[in-house]
Amino acid sequence: MADRLEYRPMSVTDIGAFYDIRFSVKENRIHPHQIHLLNRDLLIEQIRQGGGWICECRGEAAGVCLPVVTDTPFICALFVKPSFHGHGIGRELLEHAIKWLEGQGV
């Protein structure tokens, strides 16, 4: 499977894939008090910072990682679809995000 995995920076056109992956996870599900975190405008703002990465396998979105630079930079999202677990996707996405954060002086 590793030869079919493609990693690229996220763009605003990946919002649908982000939500698809976000709602596919079994752990860390969204609770009612967290709904505001799924705000489309907020997500667009975070993606436009430029640090988000997406992994695709044969055209299917498999995982996302979204670092955010604020007063306290953090990884806002790191999710991998359950059907893609165990292939190192999360680790690779996190490495891309960390390199981007370092490039931002974090």
PDB file of N, CA and C in Angstrom:
ATOM      1  N   MET A   1       0.811  -1.191   0.000  1.00  0.00           N
ATOM      2  CA  MET A   1       0.000   0.000   0.000  1.00  0.00           C
ATOM      3  C   MET A   1       0.860   1.264   0.000  1.00  0.00           C
ATOM      4  N   ALA A   2       2.029   1.222   0.622  1.00  0.00           N
ATOM      5  CA  ALA A   2       2.867   2.417   0.749  1.00  0.00           C
ATOM      6  C   ALA A   2       3.179   3.046  -0.605  1.00  0.00           C
ATOM      7  N   ASP A   3       3.302   2.218  -1.645  1.00  0.00           N
ATOM      8  CA  ASP A   3       3.623   2.766  -2.960  1.00  0.00           C
ATOM      9  C   ASP A   3       2.445   3.511  -3.578  1.00  0.00           C
ATOM     10  N   ARG A   4       1.262   3.364  -3.005  1.00  0.00           N
ATOM     11  CA  ARG A   4       0.076   4.034  -3.529  1.00  0.00           C
ATOM     12  C   ARG A   4      -0.317   5.260  -2.717  1.00  0.00           C
ATOM     13  N   LEU A   5       0.430   5.558  -1.669  1.00  0.00           N
ATOM     14  CA  LEU A   5       0.113   6.695  -0.812  1.00  0.00           C
ATOM     15  C   LEU A   5       0.757   7.961  -1.360  1.00  0.00           C
ATOM     16  N   GLU A   6      -0.039   9.009  -1.463  1.00  0.00           N
ATOM     17  CA  GLU A   6       0.460  10.299  -1.926  1.00  0.00           C
ATOM     18  C   GLU A   6       0.159  11.339  -0.863  1.00  0.00           C
ATOM     19  N   TYR A   7       1.161  12.140  -0.513  1.00  0.00           N
ATOM     20  CA  TYR A   7       1.018  13.198   0.479  1.00  0.00           C
ATOM     21  C   TYR A   7       1.144  14.535  -0.233  1.00  0.00           C
ATOM     22  N   ARG A   8       0.267  15.454   0.108  1.00  0.00           N
ATOM     23  CA  ARG A   8       0.330  16.784  -0.494  1.00  0.00           C
ATOM     24  C   ARG A   8      -0.256  17.803   0.472  1.00  0.00           C
ATOM     25  N   PRO A   9       0.090  19.072   0.269  1.00  0.00           N
ATOM     26  CA  PRO A   9      -0.497  20.112   1.119  1.00  0.00           C
ATOM     27  C   PRO A   9      -2.011  20.176   0.921  1.00  0.00           C
ATOM     28  N   MET A  10      -2.714  20.451   1.998  1.00  0.00           N
ATOM     29  CA  MET A  10      -4.168  20.615   1.918  1.00  0.00           C
ATOM     30  C   MET A  10      -4.501  21.938   1.244  1.00  0.00           C
ATOM     31  N   SER A  11      -5.650  21.968   0.601  1.00  0.00           N
ATOM     32  CA  SER A  11      -6.181  23.217   0.064  1.00  0.00           C
ATOM     33  C   SER A  11      -7.636  23.325   0.510  1.00  0.00           C
ATOM     34  N   VAL A  12      -8.218  24.472   0.283  1.00  0.00           N
ATOM     35  CA  VAL A  12      -9.605  24.696   0.686  1.00  0.00           C
ATOM     36  C   VAL A  12     -10.537  23.696   0.000  1.00  0.00           C
ATOM     37  N   THR A  13     -10.169  23.211  -1.169  1.00  0.00           N
ATOM     38  CA  THR A  13     -11.017  22.237  -1.870  1.00  0.00           C
ATOM     39  C   THR A  13     -11.042  20.876  -1.172  1.00  0.00           C
ATOM     40  N   ASP A  14     -10.201  20.698  -0.151  1.00  0.00           N
ATOM     41  CA  ASP A  14     -10.157  19.436   0.596  1.00  0.00           C
ATOM     42  C   ASP A  14     -11.097  19.421   1.802  1.00  0.00           C
ATOM     43  N   ILE A  15     -11.923  20.436   1.949  1.00  0.00           N
ATOM     44  CA  ILE A  15     -12.801  20.506   3.123  1.00  0.00           C
ATOM     45  C   ILE A  15     -13.706  19.283   3.205  1.00  0.00           C
ATOM     46  N   GLY A  16     -14.291  18.875   2.097  1.00  0.00           N
ATOM     47  CA  GLY A  16     -15.160  17.699   2.102  1.00  0.00           C
ATOM     48  C   GLY A  16     -14.422  16.455   2.563  1.00  0.00           C
ATOM     49  N   ALA A  17     -13.206  16.276   2.068  1.00  0.00           N
ATOM     50  CA  ALA A  17     -12.393  15.127   2.478  1.00  0.00           C
ATOM     51  C   ALA A  17     -12.049  15.216   3.958  1.00  0.00           C
ATOM     52  N   PHE A  18     -11.741  16.430   4.437  1.00  0.00           N
ATOM     53  CA  PHE A  18     -11.437  16.612   5.858  1.00  0.00           C
ATOM     54  C   PHE A  18     -12.609  16.136   6.713  1.00  0.00           C
ATOM     55  N   TYR A  19     -13.823  16.609   6.395  1.00  0.00           N
ATOM     56  CA  TYR A  19     -14.993  16.210   7.180  1.00  0.00           C
ATOM     57  C   TYR A  19     -15.266  14.711   7.064  1.00  0.00           C
ATOM     58  N   ASP A  20     -15.081  14.157   5.868  1.00  0.00           N
ATOM     59  CA  ASP A  20     -15.283  12.719   5.667  1.00  0.00           C
ATOM     60  C   ASP A  20     -14.357  11.915   6.576  1.00  0.00           C
ATOM     61  N   ILE A  21     -13.096  12.293   6.615  1.00  0.00           N
ATOM     62  CA  ILE A  21     -12.131  11.598   7.476  1.00  0.00           C
ATOM     63  C   ILE A  21     -12.462  11.845   8.938  1.00  0.00           C
ATOM     64  N   ARG A  22     -12.770  13.099   9.279  1.00  0.00           N
ATOM     65  CA  ARG A  22     -13.045  13.463  10.680  1.00  0.00           C
ATOM     66  C   ARG A  22     -14.191  12.634  11.248  1.00  0.00           C
ATOM     67  N   PHE A  23     -15.243  12.444  10.473  1.00  0.00           N
ATOM     68  CA  PHE A  23     -16.404  11.708  10.973  1.00  0.00           C
ATOM     69  C   PHE A  23     -16.266  10.194  10.833  1.00  0.00           C
ATOM     70  N   SER A  24     -15.192   9.720  10.216  1.00  0.00           N
ATOM     71  CA  SER A  24     -14.998   8.278  10.065  1.00  0.00           C
ATOM     72  C   SER A  24     -14.332   7.649  11.281  1.00  0.00           C
ATOM     73  N   VAL A  25     -13.684   8.465  12.106  1.00  0.00           N
ATOM     74  CA  VAL A  25     -12.898   7.911  13.211  1.00  0.00           C
ATOM     75  C   VAL A  25     -13.782   7.355  14.314  1.00  0.00           C
ATOM     76  N   LYS A  26     -13.270   6.333  14.974  1.00  0.00           N
ATOM     77  CA  LYS A  26     -14.004   5.693  16.069  1.00  0.00           C
ATOM     78  C   LYS A  26     -13.629   6.320  17.412  1.00  0.00           C
ATOM     79  N   GLU A  27     -12.376   6.799  17.515  1.00  0.00           N
ATOM     80  CA  GLU A  27     -11.927   7.458  18.736  1.00  0.00           C
ATOM     81  C   GLU A  27     -12.040   8.965  18.519  1.00  0.00           C
ATOM     82  N   ASN A  28     -12.038   9.698  19.613  1.00  0.00           N
ATOM     83  CA  ASN A  28     -12.036  11.159  19.550  1.00  0.00           C
ATOM     84  C   ASN A  28     -13.178  11.699  18.696  1.00  0.00           C
ATOM     85  N   ARG A  29     -14.362  11.178  18.934  1.00  0.00           N
ATOM     86  CA  ARG A  29     -15.531  11.653  18.197  1.00  0.00           C
ATOM     87  C   ARG A  29     -15.926  13.046  18.663  1.00  0.00           C
ATOM     88  N   ILE A  30     -16.624  13.740  17.804  1.00  0.00           N
ATOM     89  CA  ILE A  30     -17.104  15.086  18.130  1.00  0.00           C
ATOM     90  C   ILE A  30     -18.270  14.974  19.111  1.00  0.00           C
ATOM     91  N   HIS A  31     -18.208  15.783  20.157  1.00  0.00           N
ATOM     92  CA  HIS A  31     -19.280  15.862  21.148  1.00  0.00           C
ATOM     93  C   HIS A  31     -20.015  17.185  20.955  1.00  0.00           C
ATOM     94  N   PRO A  32     -21.256  17.273  21.437  1.00  0.00           N
ATOM     95  CA  PRO A  32     -22.037  18.499  21.219  1.00  0.00           C
ATOM     96  C   PRO A  32     -21.303  19.791  21.590  1.00  0.00           C
ATOM     97  N   HIS A  33     -20.530  19.779  22.657  1.00  0.00           N
ATOM     98  CA  HIS A  33     -19.842  21.008  23.061  1.00  0.00           C
ATOM     99  C   HIS A  33     -18.654  21.354  22.151  1.00  0.00           C
ATOM    100  N   GLN A  34     -18.355  20.489  21.177  1.00  0.00           N
ATOM    101  CA  GLN A  34     -17.231  20.726  20.268  1.00  0.00           C
ATOM    102  C   GLN A  34     -17.669  21.079  18.845  1.00  0.00           C
ATOM    103  N   ILE A  35     -18.956  21.150  18.610  1.00  0.00           N
ATOM    104  CA  ILE A  35     -19.472  21.392  17.261  1.00  0.00           C
ATOM    105  C   ILE A  35     -18.873  22.659  16.649  1.00  0.00           C
ATOM    106  N   HIS A  36     -18.644  23.671  17.468  1.00  0.00           N
ATOM    107  CA  HIS A  36     -18.086  24.925  16.939  1.00  0.00           C
ATOM    108  C   HIS A  36     -16.724  24.714  16.268  1.00  0.00           C
ATOM    109  N   LEU A  37     -16.029  23.646  16.618  1.00  0.00           N
ATOM    110  CA  LEU A  37     -14.724  23.369  16.023  1.00  0.00           C
ATOM    111  C   LEU A  37     -14.829  22.924  14.565  1.00  0.00           C
ATOM    112  N   LEU A  38     -16.036  22.581  14.135  1.00  0.00           N
ATOM    113  CA  LEU A  38     -16.249  22.138  12.757  1.00  0.00           C
ATOM    114  C   LEU A  38     -16.717  23.276  11.854  1.00  0.00           C
ATOM    115  N   ASN A  39     -16.701  24.497  12.365  1.00  0.00           N
ATOM    116  CA  ASN A  39     -17.127  25.664  11.616  1.00  0.00           C
ATOM    117  C   ASN A  39     -16.325  25.772  10.316  1.00  0.00           C
ATOM    118  N   ARG A  40     -17.030  25.851   9.204  1.00  0.00           N
ATOM    119  CA  ARG A  40     -16.390  25.868   7.886  1.00  0.00           C
ATOM    120  C   ARG A  40     -15.442  27.056   7.738  1.00  0.00           C
ATOM    121  N   ASP A  41     -15.867  28.234   8.160  1.00  0.00           N
ATOM    122  CA  ASP A  41     -15.020  29.419   8.021  1.00  0.00           C
ATOM    123  C   ASP A  41     -13.739  29.292   8.842  1.00  0.00           C
ATOM    124  N   LEU A  42     -13.854  28.738  10.041  1.00  0.00           N
ATOM    125  CA  LEU A  42     -12.674  28.520  10.878  1.00  0.00           C
ATOM    126  C   LEU A  42     -11.723  27.534  10.203  1.00  0.00           C
ATOM    127  N   LEU A  43     -12.286  26.458   9.649  1.00  0.00           N
ATOM    128  CA  LEU A  43     -11.459  25.460   8.968  1.00  0.00           C
ATOM    129  C   LEU A  43     -10.748  26.070   7.755  1.00  0.00           C
ATOM    130  N   ILE A  44     -11.463  26.885   6.993  1.00  0.00           N
ATOM    131  CA  ILE A  44     -10.847  27.547   5.834  1.00  0.00           C
ATOM    132  C   ILE A  44      -9.683  28.424   6.284  1.00  0.00           C
ATOM    133  N   GLU A  45      -9.898  29.178   7.345  1.00  0.00           N
ATOM    134  CA  GLU A  45      -8.839  30.045   7.878  1.00  0.00           C
ATOM    135  C   GLU A  45      -7.607  29.225   8.274  1.00  0.00           C
ATOM    136  N   GLN A  46      -7.847  28.087   8.912  1.00  0.00           N
ATOM    137  CA  GLN A  46      -6.734  27.235   9.347  1.00  0.00           C
ATOM    138  C   GLN A  46      -6.012  26.613   8.156  1.00  0.00           C
ATOM    139  N   ILE A  47      -6.756  26.166   7.168  1.00  0.00           N
ATOM    140  CA  ILE A  47      -6.145  25.573   5.971  1.00  0.00           C
ATOM    141  C   ILE A  47      -5.308  26.617   5.232  1.00  0.00           C
ATOM    142  N   ARG A  48      -5.803  27.834   5.167  1.00  0.00           N
ATOM    143  CA  ARG A  48      -5.092  28.893   4.436  1.00  0.00           C
ATOM    144  C   ARG A  48      -3.771  29.279   5.088  1.00  0.00           C
ATOM    145  N   GLN A  49      -3.557  28.891   6.341  1.00  0.00           N
ATOM    146  CA  GLN A  49      -2.238  29.126   6.940  1.00  0.00           C
ATOM    147  C   GLN A  49      -1.166  28.350   6.177  1.00  0.00           C
ATOM    148  N   GLY A  50      -1.554  27.244   5.540  1.00  0.00           N
ATOM    149  CA  GLY A  50      -0.646  26.524   4.659  1.00  0.00           C
ATOM    150  C   GLY A  50       0.050  25.309   5.217  1.00  0.00           C
ATOM    151  N   GLY A  51      -0.231  24.933   6.457  1.00  0.00           N
ATOM    152  CA  GLY A  51       0.493  23.811   7.056  1.00  0.00           C
ATOM    153  C   GLY A  51      -0.202  22.470   6.988  1.00  0.00           C
ATOM    154  N   GLY A  52      -1.440  22.443   6.514  1.00  0.00           N
ATOM    155  CA  GLY A  52      -2.197  21.194   6.487  1.00  0.00           C
ATOM    156  C   GLY A  52      -1.717  20.241   5.404  1.00  0.00           C
ATOM    157  N   TRP A  53      -1.786  18.947   5.718  1.00  0.00           N
ATOM    158  CA  TRP A  53      -1.397  17.906   4.773  1.00  0.00           C
ATOM    159  C   TRP A  53      -2.507  16.878   4.666  1.00  0.00           C
ATOM    160  N   ILE A  54      -2.612  16.299   3.481  1.00  0.00           N
ATOM    161  CA  ILE A  54      -3.588  15.244   3.245  1.00  0.00           C
ATOM    162  C   ILE A  54      -2.870  14.069   2.585  1.00  0.00           C
ATOM    163  N   CYS A  55      -3.304  12.876   2.930  1.00  0.00           N
ATOM    164  CA  CYS A  55      -2.780  11.663   2.305  1.00  0.00           C
ATOM    165  C   CYS A  55      -3.904  11.042   1.493  1.00  0.00           C
ATOM    166  N   GLU A  56      -3.586  10.668   0.266  1.00  0.00           N
ATOM    167  CA  GLU A  56      -4.555  10.006  -0.595  1.00  0.00           C
ATOM    168  C   GLU A  56      -3.998   8.669  -1.062  1.00  0.00           C
ATOM    169  N   CYS A  57      -4.896   7.731  -1.228  1.00  0.00           N
ATOM    170  CA  CYS A  57      -4.547   6.416  -1.744  1.00  0.00           C
ATOM    171  C   CYS A  57      -5.481   6.119  -2.906  1.00  0.00           C
ATOM    172  N   ARG A  58      -4.916   6.100  -4.103  1.00  0.00           N
ATOM    173  CA  ARG A  58      -5.712   5.864  -5.316  1.00  0.00           C
ATOM    174  C   ARG A  58      -6.897   6.822  -5.405  1.00  0.00           C
ATOM    175  N   GLY A  59      -6.654   8.077  -5.077  1.00  0.00           N
ATOM    176  CA  GLY A  59      -7.687   9.101  -5.177  1.00  0.00           C
ATOM    177  C   GLY A  59      -8.613   9.222  -3.983  1.00  0.00           C
ATOM    178  N   GLU A  60      -8.497   8.309  -3.026  1.00  0.00           N
ATOM    179  CA  GLU A  60      -9.338   8.373  -1.824  1.00  0.00           C
ATOM    180  C   GLU A  60      -8.558   9.041  -0.697  1.00  0.00           C
ATOM    181  N   ALA A  61      -9.188  10.018  -0.056  1.00  0.00           N
ATOM    182  CA  ALA A  61      -8.554  10.679   1.082  1.00  0.00           C
ATOM    183  C   ALA A  61      -8.453   9.684   2.230  1.00  0.00           C
ATOM    184  N   ALA A  62      -7.235   9.505   2.748  1.00  0.00           N
ATOM    185  CA  ALA A  62      -6.990   8.510   3.795  1.00  0.00           C
ATOM    186  C   ALA A  62      -6.692   9.136   5.148  1.00  0.00           C
ATOM    187  N   GLY A  63      -6.100  10.329   5.152  1.00  0.00           N
ATOM    188  CA  GLY A  63      -5.743  10.969   6.413  1.00  0.00           C
ATOM    189  C   GLY A  63      -5.451  12.440   6.226  1.00  0.00           C
ATOM    190  N   VAL A  64      -5.556  13.191   7.325  1.00  0.00           N
ATOM    191  CA  VAL A  64      -5.270  14.625   7.312  1.00  0.00           C
ATOM    192  C   VAL A  64      -4.530  15.018   8.584  1.00  0.00           C
ATOM    193  N   CYS A  65      -3.741  16.063   8.469  1.00  0.00           N
ATOM    194  CA  CYS A  65      -3.090  16.660   9.633  1.00  0.00           C
ATOM    195  C   CYS A  65      -3.107  18.168   9.427  1.00  0.00           C
ATOM    196  N   LEU A  66      -3.532  18.889  10.457  1.00  0.00           N
ATOM    197  CA  LEU A  66      -3.670  20.332  10.329  1.00  0.00           C
ATOM    198  C   LEU A  66      -3.037  21.043  11.517  1.00  0.00           C
ATOM    199  N   PRO A  67      -1.797  21.522  11.348  1.00  0.00           N
ATOM    200  CA  PRO A  67      -1.177  22.329  12.397  1.00  0.00           C
ATOM    201  C   PRO A  67      -1.674  23.768  12.276  1.00  0.00           C
ATOM    202  N   VAL A  68      -1.730  24.453  13.400  1.00  0.00           N
ATOM    203  CA  VAL A  68      -2.213  25.828  13.420  1.00  0.00           C
ATOM    204  C   VAL A  68      -1.238  26.675  14.226  1.00  0.00           C
ATOM    205  N   VAL A  69      -0.892  27.824  13.670  1.00  0.00           N
ATOM    206  CA  VAL A  69      -0.018  28.748  14.380  1.00  0.00           C
ATOM    207  C   VAL A  69      -0.878  29.836  15.014  1.00  0.00           C
ATOM    208  N   THR A  70      -0.859  29.874  16.328  1.00  0.00           N
ATOM    209  CA  THR A  70      -1.507  30.912  17.125  1.00  0.00           C
ATOM    210  C   THR A  70      -0.472  31.354  18.152  1.00  0.00           C
ATOM    211  N   ASP A  71      -0.914  32.031  19.197  1.00  0.00           N
ATOM    212  CA  ASP A  71       0.028  32.370  20.270  1.00  0.00           C
ATOM    213  C   ASP A  71       0.694  31.111  20.807  1.00  0.00           C
ATOM    214  N   THR A  72      -0.073  30.019  20.810  1.00  0.00           N
ATOM    215  CA  THR A  72       0.439  28.711  21.205  1.00  0.00           C
ATOM    216  C   THR A  72       0.170  27.749  20.052  1.00  0.00           C
ATOM    217  N   PRO A  73       1.133  27.523  19.152  1.00  0.00           N
ATOM    218  CA  PRO A  73       0.926  26.627  18.015  1.00  0.00           C
ATOM    219  C   PRO A  73       0.555  25.210  18.475  1.00  0.00           C
ATOM    220  N   PHE A  74      -0.261  24.544  17.685  1.00  0.00           N
ATOM    221  CA  PHE A  74      -0.692  23.193  18.039  1.00  0.00           C
ATOM    222  C   PHE A  74      -1.150  22.433  16.803  1.00  0.00           C
ATOM    223  N   ILE A  75      -1.275  21.120  16.970  1.00  0.00           N
ATOM    224  CA  ILE A  75      -1.847  20.276  15.920  1.00  0.00           C
ATOM    225  C   ILE A  75      -3.349  20.244  16.172  1.00  0.00           C
ATOM    226  N   CYS A  76      -4.077  20.906  15.323  1.00  0.00           N
ATOM    227  CA  CYS A  76      -5.528  21.033  15.484  1.00  0.00           C
ATOM    228  C   CYS A  76      -6.231  19.725  15.114  1.00  0.00           C
ATOM    229  N   ALA A  77      -5.683  19.005  14.153  1.00  0.00           N
ATOM    230  CA  ALA A  77      -6.321  17.769  13.698  1.00  0.00           C
ATOM    231  C   ALA A  77      -5.268  16.807  13.161  1.00  0.00           C
ATOM    232  N   LEU A  78      -5.426  15.554  13.510  1.00  0.00           N
ATOM    233  CA  LEU A  78      -4.619  14.469  12.940  1.00  0.00           C
ATOM    234  C   LEU A  78      -5.504  13.235  12.957  1.00  0.00           C
ATOM    235  N   PHE A  79      -6.050  12.909  11.796  1.00  0.00           N
ATOM    236  CA  PHE A  79      -6.997  11.803  11.695  1.00  0.00           C
ATOM    237  C   PHE A  79      -6.674  10.929  10.489  1.00  0.00           C
ATOM    238  N   VAL A  80      -6.850   9.634  10.672  1.00  0.00           N
ATOM    239  CA  VAL A  80      -6.672   8.655   9.598  1.00  0.00           C
ATOM    240  C   VAL A  80      -7.911   7.772   9.586  1.00  0.00           C
ATOM    241  N   LYS A  81      -8.475   7.572   8.400  1.00  0.00           N
ATOM    242  CA  LYS A  81      -9.636   6.685   8.288  1.00  0.00           C
ATOM    243  C   LYS A  81      -9.279   5.313   8.848  1.00  0.00           C
ATOM    244  N   PRO A  82     -10.200   4.704   9.592  1.00  0.00           N
ATOM    245  CA  PRO A  82      -9.920   3.386  10.180  1.00  0.00           C
ATOM    246  C   PRO A  82      -9.461   2.344   9.159  1.00  0.00           C
ATOM    247  N   SER A  83      -9.979   2.391   7.955  1.00  0.00           N
ATOM    248  CA  SER A  83      -9.591   1.393   6.947  1.00  0.00           C
ATOM    249  C   SER A  83      -8.140   1.556   6.484  1.00  0.00           C
ATOM    250  N   PHE A  84      -7.491   2.659   6.875  1.00  0.00           N
ATOM    251  CA  PHE A  84      -6.098   2.902   6.497  1.00  0.00           C
ATOM    252  C   PHE A  84      -5.149   2.847   7.689  1.00  0.00           C
ATOM    253  N   HIS A  85      -5.646   2.455   8.845  1.00  0.00           N
ATOM    254  CA  HIS A  85      -4.785   2.360  10.032  1.00  0.00           C
ATOM    255  C   HIS A  85      -3.687   1.323   9.815  1.00  0.00           C
ATOM    256  N   GLY A  86      -2.552   1.551  10.459  1.00  0.00           N
ATOM    257  CA  GLY A  86      -1.472   0.570  10.449  1.00  0.00           C
ATOM    258  C   GLY A  86      -0.490   0.685   9.300  1.00  0.00           C
ATOM    259  N   HIS A  87      -0.568   1.772   8.539  1.00  0.00           N
ATOM    260  CA  HIS A  87       0.333   1.935   7.394  1.00  0.00           C
ATOM    261  C   HIS A  87       1.276   3.125   7.556  1.00  0.00           C
ATOM    262  N   GLY A  88       1.320   3.702   8.755  1.00  0.00           N
ATOM    263  CA  GLY A  88       2.235   4.815   9.010  1.00  0.00           C
ATOM    264  C   GLY A  88       1.773   6.158   8.485  1.00  0.00           C
ATOM    265  N   ILE A  89       0.523   6.248   8.085  1.00  0.00           N
ATOM    266  CA  ILE A  89       0.007   7.493   7.508  1.00  0.00           C
ATOM    267  C   ILE A  89       0.018   8.620   8.539  1.00  0.00           C
ATOM    268  N   GLY A  90      -0.460   8.353   9.733  1.00  0.00           N
ATOM    269  CA  GLY A  90      -0.482   9.377  10.773  1.00  0.00           C
ATOM    270  C   GLY A  90       0.912   9.889  11.093  1.00  0.00           C
ATOM    271  N   ARG A  91       1.848   8.986  11.186  1.00  0.00           N
ATOM    272  CA  ARG A  91       3.240   9.359  11.483  1.00  0.00           C
ATOM    273  C   ARG A  91       3.808  10.252  10.376  1.00  0.00           C
ATOM    274  N   GLU A  92       3.583   9.876   9.140  1.00  0.00           N
ATOM    275  CA  GLU A  92       4.095  10.660   8.007  1.00  0.00           C
ATOM    276  C   GLU A  92       3.429  12.039   7.942  1.00  0.00           C
ATOM    277  N   LEU A  93       2.123  12.088   8.164  1.00  0.00           N
ATOM    278  CA  LEU A  93       1.426  13.377   8.170  1.00  0.00           C
ATOM    279  C   LEU A  93       1.972  14.279   9.274  1.00  0.00           C
ATOM    280  N   LEU A  94       2.201  13.701  10.446  1.00  0.00           N
ATOM    281  CA  LEU A  94       2.728  14.477  11.565  1.00  0.00           C
ATOM    282  C   LEU A  94       4.126  15.015  11.245  1.00  0.00           C
ATOM    283  N   GLU A  95       4.950  14.214  10.587  1.00  0.00           N
ATOM    284  CA  GLU A  95       6.293  14.675  10.208  1.00  0.00           C
ATOM    285  C   GLU A  95       6.215  15.879   9.272  1.00  0.00           C
ATOM    286  N   HIS A  96       5.302  15.834   8.297  1.00  0.00           N
ATOM    287  CA  HIS A  96       5.123  16.976   7.391  1.00  0.00           C
ATOM    288  C   HIS A  96       4.687  18.211   8.178  1.00  0.00           C
ATOM    289  N   ALA A  97       3.762  18.032   9.099  1.00  0.00           N
ATOM    290  CA  ALA A  97       3.250  19.154   9.890  1.00  0.00           C
ATOM    291  C   ALA A  97       4.345  19.760  10.766  1.00  0.00           C
ATOM    292  N   ILE A  98       5.144  18.919  11.385  1.00  0.00           N
ATOM    293  CA  ILE A  98       6.224  19.412  12.249  1.00  0.00           C
ATOM    294  C   ILE A  98       7.251  20.197  11.428  1.00  0.00           C
ATOM    295  N   LYS A  99       7.594  19.689  10.253  1.00  0.00           N
ATOM    296  CA  LYS A  99       8.541  20.412   9.390  1.00  0.00           C
ATOM    297  C   LYS A  99       7.980  21.782   9.012  1.00  0.00           C
ATOM    298  N   TRP A 100       6.688  21.837   8.729  1.00  0.00           N
ATOM    299  CA  TRP A 100       6.069  23.113   8.388  1.00  0.00           C
ATOM    300  C   TRP A 100       6.117  24.059   9.583  1.00  0.00           C
ATOM    301  N   LEU A 101       5.770  23.555  10.763  1.00  0.00           N
ATOM    302  CA  LEU A 101       5.815  24.392  11.969  1.00  0.00           C
ATOM    303  C   LEU A 101       7.230  24.921  12.214  1.00  0.00           C
ATOM    304  N   GLU A 102       8.225  24.066  12.043  1.00  0.00           N
ATOM    305  CA  GLU A 102       9.616  24.508  12.212  1.00  0.00           C
ATOM    306  C   GLU A 102       9.955  25.616  11.217  1.00  0.00           C
ATOM    307  N   GLY A 103       9.440  25.490  10.003  1.00  0.00           N
ATOM    308  CA  GLY A 103       9.662  26.519   8.989  1.00  0.00           C
ATOM    309  C   GLY A 103       8.989  27.843   9.326  1.00  0.00           C
ATOM    310  N   GLN A 104       7.993  27.778  10.199  1.00  0.00           N
ATOM    311  CA  GLN A 104       7.305  28.987  10.657  1.00  0.00           C
ATOM    312  C   GLN A 104       7.985  29.594  11.875  1.00  0.00           C
ATOM    313  N   GLY A 105       9.085  28.973  12.299  1.00  0.00           N
ATOM    314  CA  GLY A 105       9.814  29.480  13.451  1.00  0.00           C
ATOM    315  C   GLY A 105       9.298  28.985  14.782  1.00  0.00           C
ATOM    316  N   VAL A 106       8.489  27.947  14.740  1.00  0.00           N
ATOM    317  CA  VAL A 106       7.937  27.385  15.984  1.00  0.00           C
ATOM    318  C   VAL A 106       8.932  26.420  16.583  1.00  0.00           C
TER     319      VAL A 106
END
